[in-house]
Structure formats: C-alpha cells, structure tokens
C-alpha cells in the first residue's frame, strides 16, 4: 500500500465546531479512566497540566471535567483536585469472563464487524486535535523496532483512540472489551514468535498509510486498510494451527 507524507491533510481541515475540543478532552480522559491509566481514587493531573498536555485552554479542561463528574466518573473536591470514582471492579469479573471465553476466531469475527465501521464513523466525527493525538501515538509506534509486545500495546492504543473518535460511548465500551479479549496470553506468545523487525516495519508503513487516510478524511482508503490488517492478523492465527 503506497504511503504519502504524514500529517499534512489534517492541518487543512476546517476548525472543529463549538464543543468539539471539549469532546476531544472528554473522550481522552474517559479513555484514560476506563483503561485504568488513572485508577480508582487516583487524583487526576491539575487542570493546568492537563491543558498543557492536551494543547487546549484551561477552561476547556474544566468543562470536560464537569462532564466527567456529571457522568459519575470523577469527584471534584474544592482545593484538592479531581479524583477518579470509576471502579472497574464491579464489571471487571464479567468482562474478564467474557474475554476468557472468547476464542481467537470469535475475536476476529467481532473485530471484522466493528473495526471497518468504527473507522468510518471516526473519520466523520473526529476533531483535528484527535487526529493530532493519533499522530502522536503513531510516532511512538514508529520508534519501536524489535519489541513486539510494546508495538502491540501501541497498536491497541491507536485503535482505542479511533474508537474514542467516534464519540459513541457504547461503541467505545464495546471496543474496550475487544481489547480486553486481545490481552489473552496466547496472543502475546503469538506476537513474540511472528512479529519480527521486518514485519513490525511493514505494519508501521501500513499504519502510516491509515493515518494519512484518516487525516485526509478518506473513508474508503481507511476502511480498506482495516480490512487488510484483519486479514494479516488472520494469517498469524492460521500459522498457529
């Protein structure tokens, strides 16, 4: 698949509509909370730090935090900051049970249903800042040369960011379950065996092309990449048989 210079298309896209930047911050923080990057009872970074990290105004962060509190994911304490109240333990057992019962081919079936349509919706709804954040994850992926597991984790984060870009909480939750199922031990062993440096480099070129398609709002090209990536994953599974 041919590649083109990266990150140029996103800058020419019109600025997001009012509220899109808040949605970007909200989606990013929700993703970090639900993935347990910020654990239960953990204090979130200060508003000023979040604004700096995400490249937004402080009042944008404050509005997103208001939304998180309304949804019961955090509690804001005057003079102390914002603390995570989302506790995955209540749902963790059932989620882990579903993931544990999901076989490799079953996982591929669900991914083939979700991922092509997920990228279609994300391209329609993603704000430019979300595309920039996707580019930052890609840069980290491109820095990996030999560590298969590190590459897979970044690949999962890349897909998770696309899911967040849909702005659909139910789809985001469904895809988090898909990622949980992808954490099964057989996958780690499989990737250690088959993700050679040459194959990692090939995946990096492919993800570069996917990013260009997303940045250019090219739905068909991006969807085609997702389908091809699923075929490559299927080939790895067949090599395990």
C-alpha atoms as a PDB file:
ATOM      1  CA  UNK A   1       0.000   0.000   0.000  1.00  0.00           C
ATOM      2  CA  UNK A   2       1.562   3.324  -1.044  1.00  0.00           C
ATOM      3  CA  UNK A   3       2.216   5.927   1.581  1.00  0.00           C
ATOM      4  CA  UNK A   4       2.177   9.707   1.386  1.00  0.00           C
ATOM      5  CA  UNK A   5       3.649  12.445   3.573  1.00  0.00           C
ATOM      6  CA  UNK A   6       2.127  12.260   7.012  1.00  0.00           C
ATOM      7  CA  UNK A   7       0.087  14.845   8.991  1.00  0.00           C
ATOM      8  CA  UNK A   8      -0.364  17.313   6.136  1.00  0.00           C
ATOM      9  CA  UNK A   9      -4.035  16.681   5.419  1.00  0.00           C
ATOM     10  CA  UNK A  10      -5.234  17.292   8.953  1.00  0.00           C
ATOM     11  CA  UNK A  11      -4.000  20.889   9.022  1.00  0.00           C
ATOM     12  CA  UNK A  12      -6.138  21.870   6.033  1.00  0.00           C
ATOM     13  CA  UNK A  13      -9.352  20.549   7.546  1.00  0.00           C
ATOM     14  CA  UNK A  14     -11.721  23.204   8.932  1.00  0.00           C
ATOM     15  CA  UNK A  15     -11.551  24.016  12.622  1.00  0.00           C
ATOM     16  CA  UNK A  16     -13.874  21.924  14.811  1.00  0.00           C
ATOM     17  CA  UNK A  17     -17.325  23.182  15.602  1.00  0.00           C
ATOM     18  CA  UNK A  18     -18.044  24.619  19.036  1.00  0.00           C
ATOM     19  CA  UNK A  19     -17.836  21.883  21.631  1.00  0.00           C
ATOM     20  CA  UNK A  20     -15.587  19.579  19.582  1.00  0.00           C
ATOM     21  CA  UNK A  21     -12.477  20.485  21.578  1.00  0.00           C
ATOM     22  CA  UNK A  22     -14.277  19.776  24.839  1.00  0.00           C
ATOM     23  CA  UNK A  23     -15.410  16.455  23.363  1.00  0.00           C
ATOM     24  CA  UNK A  24     -11.810  15.634  22.453  1.00  0.00           C
ATOM     25  CA  UNK A  25     -10.667  16.271  26.034  1.00  0.00           C
ATOM     26  CA  UNK A  26     -13.660  14.379  27.411  1.00  0.00           C
ATOM     27  CA  UNK A  27     -13.014  11.358  25.159  1.00  0.00           C
ATOM     28  CA  UNK A  28      -9.309  11.336  26.019  1.00  0.00           C
ATOM     29  CA  UNK A  29      -9.897  11.468  29.770  1.00  0.00           C
ATOM     30  CA  UNK A  30     -12.684   8.884  29.596  1.00  0.00           C
ATOM     31  CA  UNK A  31     -10.363   6.574  27.706  1.00  0.00           C
ATOM     32  CA  UNK A  32      -7.627   7.009  30.313  1.00  0.00           C
ATOM     33  CA  UNK A  33     -10.049   6.388  33.161  1.00  0.00           C
ATOM     34  CA  UNK A  34     -11.832   3.367  31.697  1.00  0.00           C
ATOM     35  CA  UNK A  35      -8.492   1.821  30.664  1.00  0.00           C
ATOM     36  CA  UNK A  36      -7.320   2.382  34.274  1.00  0.00           C
ATOM     37  CA  UNK A  37      -4.423   4.628  33.304  1.00  0.00           C
ATOM     38  CA  UNK A  38      -5.975   6.717  36.074  1.00  0.00           C
ATOM     39  CA  UNK A  39      -7.055   4.248  38.755  1.00  0.00           C
ATOM     40  CA  UNK A  40      -9.938   4.492  41.210  1.00  0.00           C
ATOM     41  CA  UNK A  41      -9.364   7.139  43.910  1.00  0.00           C
ATOM     42  CA  UNK A  42      -6.362   8.474  41.977  1.00  0.00           C
ATOM     43  CA  UNK A  43      -6.013  12.231  41.679  1.00  0.00           C
ATOM     44  CA  UNK A  44      -6.066  13.495  38.104  1.00  0.00           C
ATOM     45  CA  UNK A  45      -3.312  15.852  36.959  1.00  0.00           C
ATOM     46  CA  UNK A  46      -4.038  19.508  37.692  1.00  0.00           C
ATOM     47  CA  UNK A  47      -6.168  21.421  35.205  1.00  0.00           C
ATOM     48  CA  UNK A  48      -3.146  23.469  34.145  1.00  0.00           C
ATOM     49  CA  UNK A  49      -1.122  20.303  33.462  1.00  0.00           C
ATOM     50  CA  UNK A  50      -3.936  18.651  31.525  1.00  0.00           C
ATOM     51  CA  UNK A  51      -4.406  21.794  29.450  1.00  0.00           C
ATOM     52  CA  UNK A  52      -0.716  21.826  28.622  1.00  0.00           C
ATOM     53  CA  UNK A  53      -0.556  18.106  27.837  1.00  0.00           C
ATOM     54  CA  UNK A  54      -3.627  18.183  25.597  1.00  0.00           C
ATOM     55  CA  UNK A  55      -2.872  21.543  23.983  1.00  0.00           C
ATOM     56  CA  UNK A  56      -6.156  23.169  24.980  1.00  0.00           C
ATOM     57  CA  UNK A  57      -7.329  26.072  27.113  1.00  0.00           C
ATOM     58  CA  UNK A  58      -7.764  25.535  30.819  1.00  0.00           C
ATOM     59  CA  UNK A  59     -11.474  26.373  30.697  1.00  0.00           C
ATOM     60  CA  UNK A  60     -11.886  23.605  28.090  1.00  0.00           C
ATOM     61  CA  UNK A  61     -10.398  21.114  30.552  1.00  0.00           C
ATOM     62  CA  UNK A  62     -12.658  22.448  33.296  1.00  0.00           C
ATOM     63  CA  UNK A  63     -15.761  21.953  31.128  1.00  0.00           C
ATOM     64  CA  UNK A  64     -14.702  18.389  30.290  1.00  0.00           C
ATOM     65  CA  UNK A  65     -14.152  17.666  33.993  1.00  0.00           C
ATOM     66  CA  UNK A  66     -17.659  18.955  34.690  1.00  0.00           C
ATOM     67  CA  UNK A  67     -18.967  16.410  32.187  1.00  0.00           C
ATOM     68  CA  UNK A  68     -16.957  13.606  33.777  1.00  0.00           C
ATOM     69  CA  UNK A  69     -18.353  14.479  37.194  1.00  0.00           C
ATOM     70  CA  UNK A  70     -21.906  14.505  35.852  1.00  0.00           C
ATOM     71  CA  UNK A  71     -21.317  11.013  34.464  1.00  0.00           C
ATOM     72  CA  UNK A  72     -20.072   9.776  37.823  1.00  0.00           C
ATOM     73  CA  UNK A  73     -16.517   9.073  36.679  1.00  0.00           C
ATOM     74  CA  UNK A  74     -14.782  11.596  38.923  1.00  0.00           C
ATOM     75  CA  UNK A  75     -15.432  13.628  42.051  1.00  0.00           C
ATOM     76  CA  UNK A  76     -14.111  17.177  42.300  1.00  0.00           C
ATOM     77  CA  UNK A  77     -13.020  18.334  45.732  1.00  0.00           C
ATOM     78  CA  UNK A  78     -12.556  22.026  46.334  1.00  0.00           C
ATOM     79  CA  UNK A  79      -8.912  22.802  46.988  1.00  0.00           C
ATOM     80  CA  UNK A  80      -7.834  19.201  46.426  1.00  0.00           C
ATOM     81  CA  UNK A  81      -8.475  18.435  42.764  1.00  0.00           C
ATOM     82  CA  UNK A  82     -10.366  15.787  40.819  1.00  0.00           C
ATOM     83  CA  UNK A  83     -10.374  12.139  41.873  1.00  0.00           C
ATOM     84  CA  UNK A  84     -11.423   9.066  39.911  1.00  0.00           C
ATOM     85  CA  UNK A  85     -14.568   7.397  41.222  1.00  0.00           C
ATOM     86  CA  UNK A  86     -14.980   4.965  38.319  1.00  0.00           C
ATOM     87  CA  UNK A  87     -14.371   1.499  39.750  1.00  0.00           C
ATOM     88  CA  UNK A  88     -13.991  -1.207  37.095  1.00  0.00           C
ATOM     89  CA  UNK A  89     -14.044  -3.984  39.691  1.00  0.00           C
ATOM     90  CA  UNK A  90     -17.824  -4.189  39.652  1.00  0.00           C
ATOM     91  CA  UNK A  91     -17.751  -5.030  35.947  1.00  0.00           C
ATOM     92  CA  UNK A  92     -14.251  -6.457  35.737  1.00  0.00           C
ATOM     93  CA  UNK A  93     -15.181 -10.018  36.637  1.00  0.00           C
ATOM     94  CA  UNK A  94     -17.873 -10.282  33.994  1.00  0.00           C
ATOM     95  CA  UNK A  95     -15.734  -8.547  31.366  1.00  0.00           C
ATOM     96  CA  UNK A  96     -12.757 -10.797  32.115  1.00  0.00           C
ATOM     97  CA  UNK A  97     -15.030 -13.842  31.951  1.00  0.00           C
ATOM     98  CA  UNK A  98     -16.287 -12.832  28.509  1.00  0.00           C
ATOM     99  CA  UNK A  99     -12.728 -12.194  27.317  1.00  0.00           C
ATOM    100  CA  UNK A 100     -11.524 -15.515  28.706  1.00  0.00           C
ATOM    101  CA  UNK A 101     -14.331 -17.390  26.926  1.00  0.00           C
ATOM    102  CA  UNK A 102     -13.683 -15.674  23.602  1.00  0.00           C
ATOM    103  CA  UNK A 103     -11.683 -17.791  21.172  1.00  0.00           C
ATOM    104  CA  UNK A 104      -9.262 -16.381  18.586  1.00  0.00           C
ATOM    105  CA  UNK A 105     -11.617 -16.802  15.645  1.00  0.00           C
ATOM    106  CA  UNK A 106     -14.550 -15.391  17.622  1.00  0.00           C
ATOM    107  CA  UNK A 107     -12.441 -12.348  18.396  1.00  0.00           C
ATOM    108  CA  UNK A 108     -11.615 -11.926  14.712  1.00  0.00           C
ATOM    109  CA  UNK A 109     -15.300 -12.083  13.782  1.00  0.00           C
ATOM    110  CA  UNK A 110     -16.163  -9.270  16.197  1.00  0.00           C
ATOM    111  CA  UNK A 111     -13.198  -7.181  15.073  1.00  0.00           C
ATOM    112  CA  UNK A 112     -14.243  -7.608  11.423  1.00  0.00           C
ATOM    113  CA  UNK A 113     -17.687  -6.278  12.326  1.00  0.00           C
ATOM    114  CA  UNK A 114     -16.540  -3.354  14.461  1.00  0.00           C
ATOM    115  CA  UNK A 115     -13.284  -2.017  13.098  1.00  0.00           C
ATOM    116  CA  UNK A 116     -14.133  -1.063   9.478  1.00  0.00           C
ATOM    117  CA  UNK A 117     -17.320   0.721  10.549  1.00  0.00           C
ATOM    118  CA  UNK A 118     -15.574   2.206  13.586  1.00  0.00           C
ATOM    119  CA  UNK A 119     -13.010   3.941  11.393  1.00  0.00           C
ATOM    120  CA  UNK A 120     -15.774   5.164   9.056  1.00  0.00           C
ATOM    121  CA  UNK A 121     -17.599   6.836  11.925  1.00  0.00           C
ATOM    122  CA  UNK A 122     -14.398   8.193  13.449  1.00  0.00           C
ATOM    123  CA  UNK A 123     -13.385   9.885  10.197  1.00  0.00           C
ATOM    124  CA  UNK A 124     -16.737  11.661  10.090  1.00  0.00           C
ATOM    125  CA  UNK A 125     -16.664  12.832  13.713  1.00  0.00           C
ATOM    126  CA  UNK A 126     -13.002  13.177  14.777  1.00  0.00           C
ATOM    127  CA  UNK A 127     -11.817  16.685  15.582  1.00  0.00           C
ATOM    128  CA  UNK A 128      -8.412  17.821  14.249  1.00  0.00           C
ATOM    129  CA  UNK A 129      -6.963  17.635  17.757  1.00  0.00           C
ATOM    130  CA  UNK A 130      -7.966  13.992  17.983  1.00  0.00           C
ATOM    131  CA  UNK A 131      -6.220  13.308  14.690  1.00  0.00           C
ATOM    132  CA  UNK A 132      -3.120  15.031  16.037  1.00  0.00           C
ATOM    133  CA  UNK A 133      -3.256  12.794  19.124  1.00  0.00           C
ATOM    134  CA  UNK A 134      -3.497   9.784  16.801  1.00  0.00           C
ATOM    135  CA  UNK A 135      -0.389  11.009  15.028  1.00  0.00           C
ATOM    136  CA  UNK A 136       1.480  11.168  18.332  1.00  0.00           C
ATOM    137  CA  UNK A 137       0.665   7.503  19.013  1.00  0.00           C
ATOM    138  CA  UNK A 138       1.841   6.645  15.503  1.00  0.00           C
ATOM    139  CA  UNK A 139       5.148   8.384  16.184  1.00  0.00           C
ATOM    140  CA  UNK A 140       5.637   6.137  19.221  1.00  0.00           C
ATOM    141  CA  UNK A 141       4.784   3.087  17.096  1.00  0.00           C
ATOM    142  CA  UNK A 142       7.361   4.108  14.511  1.00  0.00           C
ATOM    143  CA  UNK A 143      10.048   4.270  17.205  1.00  0.00           C
ATOM    144  CA  UNK A 144       9.595   0.563  18.022  1.00  0.00           C
ATOM    145  CA  UNK A 145      11.996  -1.705  16.160  1.00  0.00           C
ATOM    146  CA  UNK A 146      12.137  -5.086  17.873  1.00  0.00           C
ATOM    147  CA  UNK A 147       9.779  -5.108  20.893  1.00  0.00           C
ATOM    148  CA  UNK A 148       6.693  -6.958  19.598  1.00  0.00           C
ATOM    149  CA  UNK A 149       4.654  -6.556  22.783  1.00  0.00           C
ATOM    150  CA  UNK A 150       5.367  -2.820  23.026  1.00  0.00           C
ATOM    151  CA  UNK A 151       4.275  -2.447  19.407  1.00  0.00           C
ATOM    152  CA  UNK A 152       1.056  -4.378  20.012  1.00  0.00           C
ATOM    153  CA  UNK A 153       0.205  -2.234  23.047  1.00  0.00           C
ATOM    154  CA  UNK A 154       0.678   0.939  20.982  1.00  0.00           C
ATOM    155  CA  UNK A 155      -1.369  -0.606  18.183  1.00  0.00           C
ATOM    156  CA  UNK A 156      -4.178  -1.201  20.680  1.00  0.00           C
ATOM    157  CA  UNK A 157      -3.905   2.410  21.874  1.00  0.00           C
ATOM    158  CA  UNK A 158      -4.082   3.579  18.260  1.00  0.00           C
ATOM    159  CA  UNK A 159      -7.313   1.637  17.761  1.00  0.00           C
ATOM    160  CA  UNK A 160      -8.655   2.809  21.109  1.00  0.00           C
ATOM    161  CA  UNK A 161      -8.111   6.415  20.030  1.00  0.00           C
ATOM    162  CA  UNK A 162     -10.042   5.723  16.825  1.00  0.00           C
ATOM    163  CA  UNK A 163     -12.880   4.277  18.912  1.00  0.00           C
ATOM    164  CA  UNK A 164     -12.834   7.396  21.107  1.00  0.00           C
ATOM    165  CA  UNK A 165     -13.011   9.481  17.941  1.00  0.00           C
ATOM    166  CA  UNK A 166     -16.441   8.052  17.136  1.00  0.00           C
ATOM    167  CA  UNK A 167     -17.882   9.918  20.133  1.00  0.00           C
ATOM    168  CA  UNK A 168     -20.121   6.903  20.809  1.00  0.00           C
ATOM    169  CA  UNK A 169     -19.811   5.756  24.453  1.00  0.00           C
ATOM    170  CA  UNK A 170     -21.384   2.368  23.737  1.00  0.00           C
ATOM    171  CA  UNK A 171     -19.033   1.655  20.848  1.00  0.00           C
ATOM    172  CA  UNK A 172     -16.072   2.774  22.988  1.00  0.00           C
ATOM    173  CA  UNK A 173     -17.153   0.372  25.747  1.00  0.00           C
ATOM    174  CA  UNK A 174     -17.586  -2.469  23.241  1.00  0.00           C
ATOM    175  CA  UNK A 175     -14.147  -1.887  21.808  1.00  0.00           C
ATOM    176  CA  UNK A 176     -12.585  -1.786  25.264  1.00  0.00           C
ATOM    177  CA  UNK A 177     -13.965  -5.305  25.677  1.00  0.00           C
ATOM    178  CA  UNK A 178     -12.393  -6.295  22.356  1.00  0.00           C
ATOM    179  CA  UNK A 179      -9.035  -5.008  23.600  1.00  0.00           C
ATOM    180  CA  UNK A 180      -9.509  -6.919  26.851  1.00  0.00           C
ATOM    181  CA  UNK A 181     -10.034 -10.074  24.800  1.00  0.00           C
ATOM    182  CA  UNK A 182      -6.900  -9.274  22.786  1.00  0.00           C
ATOM    183  CA  UNK A 183      -4.869  -9.406  26.011  1.00  0.00           C
ATOM    184  CA  UNK A 184      -5.205 -13.172  26.230  1.00  0.00           C
ATOM    185  CA  UNK A 185      -1.877 -14.896  26.802  1.00  0.00           C
ATOM    186  CA  UNK A 186      -1.919 -16.802  23.513  1.00  0.00           C
ATOM    187  CA  UNK A 187      -1.753 -13.504  21.623  1.00  0.00           C
ATOM    188  CA  UNK A 188       1.358 -12.316  23.450  1.00  0.00           C
ATOM    189  CA  UNK A 189       3.138 -15.576  22.664  1.00  0.00           C
ATOM    190  CA  UNK A 190       1.954 -15.438  19.064  1.00  0.00           C
ATOM    191  CA  UNK A 191       3.250 -11.937  18.523  1.00  0.00           C
ATOM    192  CA  UNK A 192       6.618 -12.720  20.074  1.00  0.00           C
ATOM    193  CA  UNK A 193       7.001 -15.516  17.520  1.00  0.00           C
ATOM    194  CA  UNK A 194       5.732 -13.759  14.418  1.00  0.00           C
ATOM    195  CA  UNK A 195       6.240 -10.003  14.832  1.00  0.00           C
ATOM    196  CA  UNK A 196       9.785  -9.857  13.508  1.00  0.00           C
ATOM    197  CA  UNK A 197      11.519  -6.487  12.971  1.00  0.00           C
ATOM    198  CA  UNK A 198      10.710  -6.706   9.243  1.00  0.00           C
ATOM    199  CA  UNK A 199       7.048  -7.400   9.951  1.00  0.00           C
ATOM    200  CA  UNK A 200       6.907  -4.574  12.507  1.00  0.00           C
ATOM    201  CA  UNK A 201       8.347  -2.244   9.849  1.00  0.00           C
ATOM    202  CA  UNK A 202       5.675  -3.393   7.391  1.00  0.00           C
ATOM    203  CA  UNK A 203       2.935  -2.725   9.944  1.00  0.00           C
ATOM    204  CA  UNK A 204       4.408   0.710  10.611  1.00  0.00           C
ATOM    205  CA  UNK A 205       4.172   1.577   6.918  1.00  0.00           C
ATOM    206  CA  UNK A 206       0.593   0.372   6.879  1.00  0.00           C
ATOM    207  CA  UNK A 207      -0.394   2.421   9.917  1.00  0.00           C
ATOM    208  CA  UNK A 208       1.262   5.442   8.367  1.00  0.00           C
ATOM    209  CA  UNK A 209      -0.988   4.957   5.347  1.00  0.00           C
ATOM    210  CA  UNK A 210      -4.022   4.547   7.628  1.00  0.00           C
ATOM    211  CA  UNK A 211      -3.189   7.755   9.436  1.00  0.00           C
ATOM    212  CA  UNK A 212      -2.883   9.610   6.120  1.00  0.00           C
ATOM    213  CA  UNK A 213      -6.294   8.297   5.065  1.00  0.00           C
ATOM    214  CA  UNK A 214      -7.878   9.388   8.357  1.00  0.00           C
ATOM    215  CA  UNK A 215      -6.227  12.806   8.187  1.00  0.00           C
ATOM    216  CA  UNK A 216      -7.479  13.209   4.602  1.00  0.00           C
ATOM    217  CA  UNK A 217     -10.977  12.042   5.648  1.00  0.00           C
ATOM    218  CA  UNK A 218     -10.699   9.256   3.082  1.00  0.00           C
ATOM    219  CA  UNK A 219     -13.260   6.756   4.382  1.00  0.00           C
ATOM    220  CA  UNK A 220     -12.793   4.129   1.704  1.00  0.00           C
ATOM    221  CA  UNK A 221      -9.000   4.009   1.957  1.00  0.00           C
ATOM    222  CA  UNK A 222      -9.081   3.818   5.760  1.00  0.00           C
ATOM    223  CA  UNK A 223     -11.735   1.092   5.761  1.00  0.00           C
ATOM    224  CA  UNK A 224      -9.731  -0.887   3.218  1.00  0.00           C
ATOM    225  CA  UNK A 225      -6.662  -0.736   5.456  1.00  0.00           C
ATOM    226  CA  UNK A 226      -8.640  -2.007   8.427  1.00  0.00           C
ATOM    227  CA  UNK A 227      -9.842  -4.949   6.368  1.00  0.00           C
ATOM    228  CA  UNK A 228      -6.311  -5.745   5.163  1.00  0.00           C
ATOM    229  CA  UNK A 229      -4.954  -5.520   8.730  1.00  0.00           C
ATOM    230  CA  UNK A 230      -7.581  -8.030   9.854  1.00  0.00           C
ATOM    231  CA  UNK A 231      -6.512 -10.381   7.061  1.00  0.00           C
ATOM    232  CA  UNK A 232      -2.886 -10.141   8.215  1.00  0.00           C
ATOM    233  CA  UNK A 233      -3.932 -10.925  11.775  1.00  0.00           C
ATOM    234  CA  UNK A 234      -5.917 -13.884  10.461  1.00  0.00           C
ATOM    235  CA  UNK A 235      -2.786 -15.176   8.730  1.00  0.00           C
ATOM    236  CA  UNK A 236      -0.885 -15.088  12.024  1.00  0.00           C
ATOM    237  CA  UNK A 237      -3.661 -17.079  13.695  1.00  0.00           C
ATOM    238  CA  UNK A 238      -3.600 -19.673  10.919  1.00  0.00           C
ATOM    239  CA  UNK A 239       0.149 -20.084  11.352  1.00  0.00           C
ATOM    240  CA  UNK A 240      -0.596 -21.096  14.959  1.00  0.00           C
ATOM    241  CA  UNK A 241      -2.775 -24.024  13.851  1.00  0.00           C
END
